[in-house]
Protein backbone atom coordinates (compact mmCIF):
# COMPACT_ATOMS: atom_id res chain seq x y z
CA MET A 1 5.19 22.84 -21.85
CA ARG A 2 8.80 22.56 -20.68
CA ASN A 3 9.05 23.68 -17.09
CA ASP A 4 12.78 23.42 -16.49
CA CYS A 5 15.46 26.09 -16.62
CA PRO A 6 17.41 25.94 -19.92
CA SER A 7 20.68 26.67 -18.03
CA CYS A 8 20.61 24.29 -15.08
CA GLN A 9 17.50 22.14 -15.67
CA THR A 10 15.93 23.12 -12.32
CA VAL A 11 12.24 22.20 -12.52
CA TYR A 12 9.51 24.72 -11.62
CA ALA A 13 5.75 24.36 -11.27
CA VAL A 14 4.31 26.45 -14.11
CA THR A 15 0.67 26.85 -15.15
CA PRO A 16 -0.73 28.33 -18.36
CA GLN A 17 -1.73 31.43 -16.36
CA ASP A 18 1.99 32.17 -15.78
CA VAL A 19 2.74 32.70 -19.50
CA GLY A 20 4.45 36.07 -20.03
CA LYS A 21 5.85 36.37 -16.48
CA ARG A 22 9.55 36.87 -15.83
CA ILE A 23 11.42 35.06 -13.09
CA VAL A 24 14.97 34.53 -11.92
CA CYS A 25 16.15 30.93 -11.56
CA LYS A 26 16.83 30.31 -7.89
CA GLN A 27 19.50 27.75 -8.72
CA CYS A 28 21.69 29.47 -11.34
CA GLY A 29 20.36 33.05 -11.32
CA ALA A 30 19.38 33.07 -15.01
CA ALA A 31 16.72 35.59 -16.07
CA LEU A 32 13.85 33.62 -17.61
CA ILE A 33 10.66 34.42 -19.48
CA ILE A 34 7.76 31.94 -19.33
CA GLY A 35 6.51 31.40 -22.87
CA GLU A 36 3.82 29.12 -24.25
CA GLU A 37 6.44 26.48 -25.16
CA GLY A 38 8.22 26.82 -21.80
CA PHE A 39 11.10 28.81 -20.32
CA ARG A 40 13.52 30.82 -22.44
CA ILE A 41 16.43 32.96 -21.33
CA ASP A 42 15.76 36.72 -21.25
CA THR A 43 18.57 38.05 -23.46
CA ALA A 44 17.98 41.65 -22.35
CA VAL A 45 19.39 40.92 -18.87
CA ALA A 46 21.67 37.99 -19.67
CA PRO A 47 24.92 39.97 -19.06
CA ALA A 48 23.89 40.68 -15.46
CA VAL A 49 23.43 36.97 -14.85
CA LYS A 50 26.95 36.01 -15.91
CA THR A 51 28.46 37.69 -12.82
CA GLY A 52 26.76 35.16 -10.59
CA ARG A 53 24.85 37.89 -8.77
CA SER A 54 21.47 39.12 -9.89
CA LYS A 55 19.94 42.33 -8.59
CA ILE A 56 17.00 42.03 -10.99
CA ASN A 57 13.53 41.94 -9.46
CA PHE A 58 10.92 40.41 -11.78
CA ASP A 59 7.18 40.38 -10.96
CA ASP A 60 6.70 38.29 -7.81
CA GLU A 61 10.34 37.66 -7.00
CA GLU A 62 12.04 39.11 -3.93
CA PRO A 63 15.28 41.07 -4.49
CA ASP A 64 18.46 39.04 -4.39
CA ASP A 65 20.82 40.67 -1.88
CA GLY A 66 23.75 38.32 -2.09
CA PRO A 67 25.41 35.55 -3.96
CA PRO A 68 23.23 32.63 -4.91
CA PRO A 69 23.04 29.87 -2.30
CA PRO A 70 25.62 27.11 -2.71
CA LYS A 71 24.51 24.16 -4.75
CA LYS A 72 23.52 21.16 -2.69
CA ARG A 73 25.71 18.18 -3.25
CA ARG A 74 24.08 14.88 -3.85
CA ARG A 75 24.70 12.16 -1.39
CA ASP A 76 26.22 8.94 -2.65
CA SER A 77 22.85 7.19 -2.37
CA GLN A 78 21.32 9.75 -4.78
CA MET A 79 24.10 9.64 -7.37
CA GLU A 80 23.75 7.35 -10.34
CA THR A 81 26.44 4.74 -10.67
CA PRO A 82 27.77 3.92 -14.11
CA LYS A 83 26.54 0.69 -15.67
CA VAL A 84 29.43 -1.74 -15.67
CA PRO A 85 28.95 -5.40 -16.56
CA GLY A 86 28.85 -7.45 -13.35
CA ARG A 87 28.54 -4.31 -11.23
CA GLU A 88 24.84 -4.96 -10.49
CA LEU A 89 25.73 -8.28 -8.87
CA GLU A 90 28.39 -6.64 -6.70
CA MET A 91 25.96 -3.90 -5.71
CA ALA A 92 23.34 -6.50 -4.75
CA LYS A 93 25.88 -8.37 -2.64
CA ASP A 94 26.89 -5.14 -0.90
CA PHE A 95 23.24 -4.33 -0.20
CA TYR A 96 22.60 -7.72 1.36
CA ARG A 97 25.78 -7.54 3.43
CA LYS A 98 24.81 -4.12 4.79
CA HIS A 99 21.05 -4.45 5.22
CA VAL A 100 20.06 -8.10 5.57
CA ASP A 101 20.62 -9.82 8.86
CA ILE A 102 20.36 -13.61 8.47
CA PRO A 103 19.74 -14.38 12.17
CA THR A 104 16.86 -11.90 12.22
CA ILE A 105 15.30 -13.49 9.14
CA LEU A 106 15.63 -16.97 10.65
CA PHE A 107 14.12 -15.72 13.92
CA GLY A 108 11.16 -14.28 11.99
CA ILE A 109 10.59 -17.54 10.11
CA GLY A 110 10.73 -19.50 13.37
CA ALA A 111 8.30 -17.12 15.06
CA PHE A 112 5.90 -17.51 12.14
CA PHE A 113 5.93 -21.32 12.43
CA ILE A 114 5.56 -21.25 16.21
CA LEU A 115 2.56 -18.93 16.04
CA THR A 116 1.01 -20.91 13.21
CA PHE A 117 1.29 -24.25 15.00
CA LEU A 118 0.25 -22.69 18.30
CA PHE A 119 -3.00 -21.34 16.86
CA LEU A 120 -3.91 -24.18 14.46
CA PRO A 121 -5.44 -26.36 17.21
CA MET A 122 -7.44 -23.39 18.48
CA ILE A 123 -8.69 -22.64 14.99
CA GLY A 124 -9.68 -26.30 14.49
CA LYS A 125 -11.49 -26.38 17.82
CA ALA A 126 -13.38 -23.20 16.93
CA LYS A 127 -14.37 -24.74 13.57
CA HIS A 128 -15.73 -27.85 15.34
CA GLU A 129 -17.66 -25.76 17.87
CA ARG A 130 -19.05 -23.52 15.12
CA ARG A 131 -20.45 -26.54 13.25
CA MET A 132 -21.92 -28.01 16.43
CA GLY A 133 -23.51 -24.62 17.12
CA ALA A 134 -25.02 -24.55 13.61
CA GLN A 135 -26.52 -28.01 14.22
CA ALA A 136 -27.96 -26.94 17.59
CA GLU A 137 -29.32 -23.69 16.12
CA GLU A 138 -31.17 -25.49 13.32
CA LYS A 139 -32.60 -28.00 15.82
CA LEU A 140 -33.81 -25.18 18.05
CA ASP A 141 -35.38 -23.36 15.07
CA MET A 142 -37.19 -26.56 14.06
CA GLU A 143 -38.47 -27.17 17.60
CA GLN A 144 -39.76 -23.60 17.95
CA GLU A 145 -41.57 -23.79 14.61
CA ILE A 146 -43.22 -27.08 15.62
CA ARG A 147 -44.21 -25.59 19.01
CA LYS A 148 -45.93 -22.67 17.24
CA LEU A 149 -47.76 -25.01 14.87
CA ARG A 150 -49.01 -27.22 17.75
CA GLU A 151 -50.70 -24.23 19.38
CA LYS A 152 -53.25 -24.19 16.55
CA PRO A 153 -55.17 -27.33 15.61
CA GLY A 154 -55.05 -28.69 12.07
CA ASN A 155 -51.30 -28.25 11.44
CA GLU A 156 -50.36 -31.92 11.76
CA GLU A 157 -49.34 -32.17 8.09
CA LYS A 158 -47.03 -29.15 8.36
CA ILE A 159 -45.49 -30.55 11.54
CA LYS A 160 -44.91 -33.90 9.85
CA LYS A 161 -43.31 -32.19 6.85
CA ILE A 162 -40.97 -30.14 9.07
CA GLU A 163 -39.92 -33.28 10.98
CA GLU A 164 -39.19 -35.11 7.69
CA GLU A 165 -37.07 -32.20 6.47
CA TRP A 166 -35.18 -32.23 9.78
CA ILE A 167 -34.55 -35.96 9.45
CA LYS A 168 -33.09 -35.33 5.97
CA ARG A 169 -31.00 -32.34 7.13
CA LEU A 170 -29.62 -33.95 10.32
CA PRO A 171 -27.13 -36.35 8.61
CA VAL A 172 -25.64 -33.42 6.66
CA LEU A 173 -25.11 -31.39 9.85
CA GLU A 174 -23.69 -34.40 11.72
CA GLY A 175 -21.37 -35.05 8.77
CA ASP A 176 -20.07 -31.47 8.98
CA VAL A 177 -19.33 -31.93 12.68
CA LYS A 178 -17.60 -35.26 11.98
CA TYR A 179 -15.45 -33.68 9.22
CA ALA A 180 -14.35 -30.96 11.66
CA GLU A 181 -13.35 -33.63 14.22
CA ILE A 182 -11.38 -35.57 11.60
CA SER A 183 -9.68 -32.38 10.43
CA ASN A 184 -8.55 -31.68 14.00
CA GLN A 185 -7.16 -35.18 14.33
CA ARG A 186 -5.26 -34.87 11.06
CA SER A 187 -3.76 -31.48 11.91
CA ALA A 188 -2.46 -32.71 15.25
């Protein structure tokens, strides 16, 4: 359904429930009927519209007591510029001259690098400490499990198995810690 005025192309929100209603265009003052295909001009009152003043009151509309409000002028930023070859490049240059401040961009880039290199050593240190903490946590878990098994007799095989698993797991954890140390040395 077309929902724009046939005279001035002002767009209105129209639903199928509005079919059959009559309205007056707020922009140009044209008398309109809402049909199933969209708006159409009401020819019965068209002569009254030509004067520029409309005293017609349709359905839900309030009476119009004066001349229609003046049309709003578009600002230059809203107006379309004609497409001229090479004009886009000139427009882009004008935009950058007006809105892009090179010193501000360079300051932002410098601030980014300063913050990055300021926090990289802290991030590396945290990574190293996190891996050392994981190693200590697994060792503590293993020791607590062995302590619980020693409270009851007959668990020597389970204790031996846990200790063997720890011996296999320890080089992996120590390797992770060593990789974190090397990474910190490389980033410095």
